[in-house]
Amino acid sequence: MDSNDIPFAIRVTSNAQALEALRAKSYREDASPNDLMGIRTSMRVGYLQIYILDPDRNIIEINAADPG
C-alpha cells in the first residue's frame, strides 16, 4: 500500500473508534503492505490518517475532524 497515492477519503467521528472497529474485524497494523486486512497510519498532515485497501486494492483513507 502506498499512502502517496490519491485515496478515497471517509470522515469519521473518532479515529480511535475507527481503529477499534477495524481491529475487531481482524485488520492489523503488522500485515504486509499488500494484505487486504492491513492498516497503515500516517501523521504527515498533523493528524492521524488511517489507510486500508478495498478488494480492488484502491486506497481508502479514514480520518476524523476530532483526532481522538
N, C-alpha and C. Protein backbone atom coordinates (compact mmCIF):
# COMPACT_ATOMS: atom_id res chain seq x y z
N MET A 1 0.86 -1.17 0.00
CA MET A 1 0.00 0.00 0.00
C MET A 1 0.90 1.22 0.00
N ASP A 2 0.65 2.14 -0.90
CA ASP A 2 1.44 3.37 -0.98
C ASP A 2 0.56 4.54 -0.59
N SER A 3 0.76 5.09 0.60
CA SER A 3 -0.09 6.18 1.07
C SER A 3 0.17 7.48 0.31
N ASN A 4 1.11 7.48 -0.65
CA ASN A 4 1.32 8.65 -1.51
C ASN A 4 0.32 8.67 -2.67
N ASP A 5 -0.35 7.55 -2.94
CA ASP A 5 -1.40 7.54 -3.96
C ASP A 5 -2.57 8.38 -3.46
N ILE A 6 -3.40 8.86 -4.39
CA ILE A 6 -4.56 9.67 -4.01
C ILE A 6 -5.67 8.73 -3.57
N PRO A 7 -6.08 8.80 -2.28
CA PRO A 7 -7.10 7.87 -1.79
C PRO A 7 -8.51 8.45 -1.86
N PHE A 8 -9.47 7.57 -1.76
CA PHE A 8 -10.84 7.93 -1.46
C PHE A 8 -10.87 8.14 0.04
N ALA A 9 -11.42 9.23 0.53
CA ALA A 9 -11.38 9.52 1.97
C ALA A 9 -12.78 9.47 2.59
N ILE A 10 -12.81 8.96 3.82
CA ILE A 10 -14.04 8.89 4.61
C ILE A 10 -13.79 9.61 5.92
N ARG A 11 -14.67 10.52 6.29
CA ARG A 11 -14.56 11.24 7.55
C ARG A 11 -15.38 10.51 8.60
N VAL A 12 -14.76 10.23 9.74
CA VAL A 12 -15.43 9.55 10.85
C VAL A 12 -15.42 10.47 12.06
N THR A 13 -16.18 10.12 13.07
CA THR A 13 -16.23 10.97 14.27
C THR A 13 -15.03 10.76 15.18
N SER A 14 -14.40 9.58 15.10
CA SER A 14 -13.29 9.28 16.00
C SER A 14 -12.32 8.30 15.34
N ASN A 15 -11.06 8.71 15.22
CA ASN A 15 -10.03 7.80 14.71
C ASN A 15 -9.85 6.60 15.64
N ALA A 16 -9.90 6.83 16.93
CA ALA A 16 -9.72 5.75 17.90
C ALA A 16 -10.82 4.70 17.73
N GLN A 17 -12.05 5.14 17.57
CA GLN A 17 -13.16 4.20 17.38
C GLN A 17 -13.05 3.50 16.04
N ALA A 18 -12.59 4.21 15.01
CA ALA A 18 -12.41 3.59 13.70
C ALA A 18 -11.35 2.49 13.77
N LEU A 19 -10.22 2.77 14.43
CA LEU A 19 -9.18 1.75 14.58
C LEU A 19 -9.70 0.56 15.38
N GLU A 20 -10.45 0.82 16.43
CA GLU A 20 -11.02 -0.26 17.25
C GLU A 20 -11.95 -1.13 16.41
N ALA A 21 -12.78 -0.50 15.59
CA ALA A 21 -13.71 -1.25 14.74
C ALA A 21 -12.96 -2.07 13.69
N LEU A 22 -11.92 -1.50 13.10
CA LEU A 22 -11.12 -2.24 12.11
C LEU A 22 -10.43 -3.43 12.76
N ARG A 23 -9.83 -3.21 13.93
CA ARG A 23 -9.16 -4.32 14.63
C ARG A 23 -10.15 -5.42 14.99
N ALA A 24 -11.37 -5.05 15.36
CA ALA A 24 -12.40 -6.05 15.69
C ALA A 24 -12.78 -6.88 14.47
N LYS A 25 -12.54 -6.34 13.28
CA LYS A 25 -12.81 -7.05 12.02
C LYS A 25 -11.56 -7.75 11.49
N SER A 26 -10.51 -7.85 12.32
CA SER A 26 -9.25 -8.55 12.01
C SER A 26 -8.28 -7.77 11.13
N TYR A 27 -8.48 -6.46 10.98
CA TYR A 27 -7.47 -5.63 10.31
C TYR A 27 -6.29 -5.49 11.27
N ARG A 28 -5.05 -5.44 10.70
CA ARG A 28 -3.85 -5.41 11.54
C ARG A 28 -2.82 -4.42 11.00
N GLU A 29 -2.15 -3.74 11.92
CA GLU A 29 -1.07 -2.83 11.53
C GLU A 29 0.17 -3.58 11.09
N ASP A 30 0.34 -4.82 11.53
CA ASP A 30 1.55 -5.58 11.21
C ASP A 30 1.40 -6.43 9.94
N ALA A 31 0.31 -6.26 9.20
CA ALA A 31 0.10 -7.02 7.97
C ALA A 31 1.04 -6.49 6.89
N SER A 32 1.32 -7.33 5.90
CA SER A 32 2.19 -6.91 4.79
C SER A 32 1.51 -5.77 4.02
N PRO A 33 2.29 -4.94 3.33
CA PRO A 33 1.72 -3.78 2.63
C PRO A 33 0.62 -4.10 1.63
N ASN A 34 0.62 -5.28 1.04
CA ASN A 34 -0.40 -5.63 0.05
C ASN A 34 -1.53 -6.48 0.60
N ASP A 35 -1.51 -6.74 1.90
CA ASP A 35 -2.56 -7.52 2.55
C ASP A 35 -3.83 -6.69 2.65
N LEU A 36 -4.94 -7.24 2.16
CA LEU A 36 -6.21 -6.51 2.21
C LEU A 36 -6.67 -6.24 3.64
N MET A 37 -6.12 -6.93 4.61
CA MET A 37 -6.50 -6.72 6.01
C MET A 37 -5.48 -5.84 6.74
N GLY A 38 -4.67 -5.14 6.00
CA GLY A 38 -3.66 -4.28 6.60
C GLY A 38 -4.17 -2.88 6.90
N ILE A 39 -3.62 -2.30 7.94
CA ILE A 39 -3.88 -0.92 8.32
C ILE A 39 -2.55 -0.18 8.25
N ARG A 40 -2.55 0.97 7.61
CA ARG A 40 -1.38 1.85 7.63
C ARG A 40 -1.85 3.18 8.20
N THR A 41 -0.98 3.83 8.96
CA THR A 41 -1.33 5.13 9.53
C THR A 41 -0.25 6.14 9.17
N SER A 42 -0.63 7.41 9.21
CA SER A 42 0.30 8.50 8.91
C SER A 42 -0.09 9.72 9.74
N MET A 43 0.92 10.48 10.14
CA MET A 43 0.70 11.75 10.85
C MET A 43 1.27 12.92 10.03
N ARG A 44 1.46 12.73 8.73
CA ARG A 44 2.12 13.74 7.88
C ARG A 44 1.45 15.09 7.87
N VAL A 45 0.16 15.15 8.04
CA VAL A 45 -0.56 16.42 7.93
C VAL A 45 -0.95 16.99 9.29
N GLY A 46 -0.41 16.43 10.36
CA GLY A 46 -0.68 16.94 11.70
C GLY A 46 -1.80 16.23 12.44
N TYR A 47 -2.45 15.29 11.81
CA TYR A 47 -3.46 14.47 12.48
C TYR A 47 -3.39 13.07 11.90
N LEU A 48 -3.92 12.12 12.64
CA LEU A 48 -3.84 10.73 12.24
C LEU A 48 -4.70 10.46 11.00
N GLN A 49 -4.07 9.82 10.02
CA GLN A 49 -4.78 9.33 8.84
C GLN A 49 -4.62 7.81 8.85
N ILE A 50 -5.71 7.10 8.59
CA ILE A 50 -5.73 5.64 8.56
C ILE A 50 -5.97 5.23 7.12
N TYR A 51 -5.21 4.24 6.65
CA TYR A 51 -5.36 3.76 5.28
C TYR A 51 -5.63 2.26 5.28
N ILE A 52 -6.61 1.86 4.48
CA ILE A 52 -6.88 0.44 4.23
C ILE A 52 -7.08 0.27 2.73
N LEU A 53 -7.12 -0.97 2.26
CA LEU A 53 -7.36 -1.26 0.85
C LEU A 53 -8.75 -1.86 0.67
N ASP A 54 -9.42 -1.49 -0.44
CA ASP A 54 -10.67 -2.17 -0.77
C ASP A 54 -10.32 -3.44 -1.56
N PRO A 55 -11.29 -4.30 -1.87
CA PRO A 55 -10.98 -5.56 -2.55
C PRO A 55 -10.27 -5.40 -3.90
N ASP A 56 -10.43 -4.24 -4.55
CA ASP A 56 -9.74 -3.98 -5.81
C ASP A 56 -8.40 -3.29 -5.59
N ARG A 57 -8.00 -3.20 -4.33
CA ARG A 57 -6.73 -2.60 -3.92
C ARG A 57 -6.66 -1.08 -4.11
N ASN A 58 -7.83 -0.44 -4.11
CA ASN A 58 -7.87 1.02 -4.07
C ASN A 58 -7.67 1.44 -2.62
N ILE A 59 -6.97 2.54 -2.42
CA ILE A 59 -6.71 3.01 -1.06
C ILE A 59 -7.91 3.79 -0.54
N ILE A 60 -8.30 3.49 0.69
CA ILE A 60 -9.34 4.23 1.40
C ILE A 60 -8.68 4.89 2.59
N GLU A 61 -8.83 6.21 2.69
CA GLU A 61 -8.31 6.96 3.83
C GLU A 61 -9.45 7.19 4.80
N ILE A 62 -9.17 7.01 6.07
CA ILE A 62 -10.16 7.29 7.12
C ILE A 62 -9.53 8.35 8.02
N ASN A 63 -10.28 9.44 8.26
CA ASN A 63 -9.77 10.49 9.13
C ASN A 63 -10.93 11.11 9.90
N ALA A 64 -10.59 11.84 10.94
CA ALA A 64 -11.60 12.45 11.80
C ALA A 64 -11.28 13.91 12.04
N ALA A 65 -12.31 14.75 12.08
CA ALA A 65 -12.10 16.15 12.42
C ALA A 65 -11.54 16.26 13.84
N ASP A 66 -12.05 15.43 14.73
CA ASP A 66 -11.53 15.32 16.10
C ASP A 66 -10.59 14.13 16.13
N PRO A 67 -9.27 14.37 16.23
CA PRO A 67 -8.32 13.26 16.11
C PRO A 67 -8.37 12.23 17.22
N GLY A 68 -9.25 12.36 18.22
CA GLY A 68 -9.29 11.43 19.34
C GLY A 68 -9.64 10.03 19.05
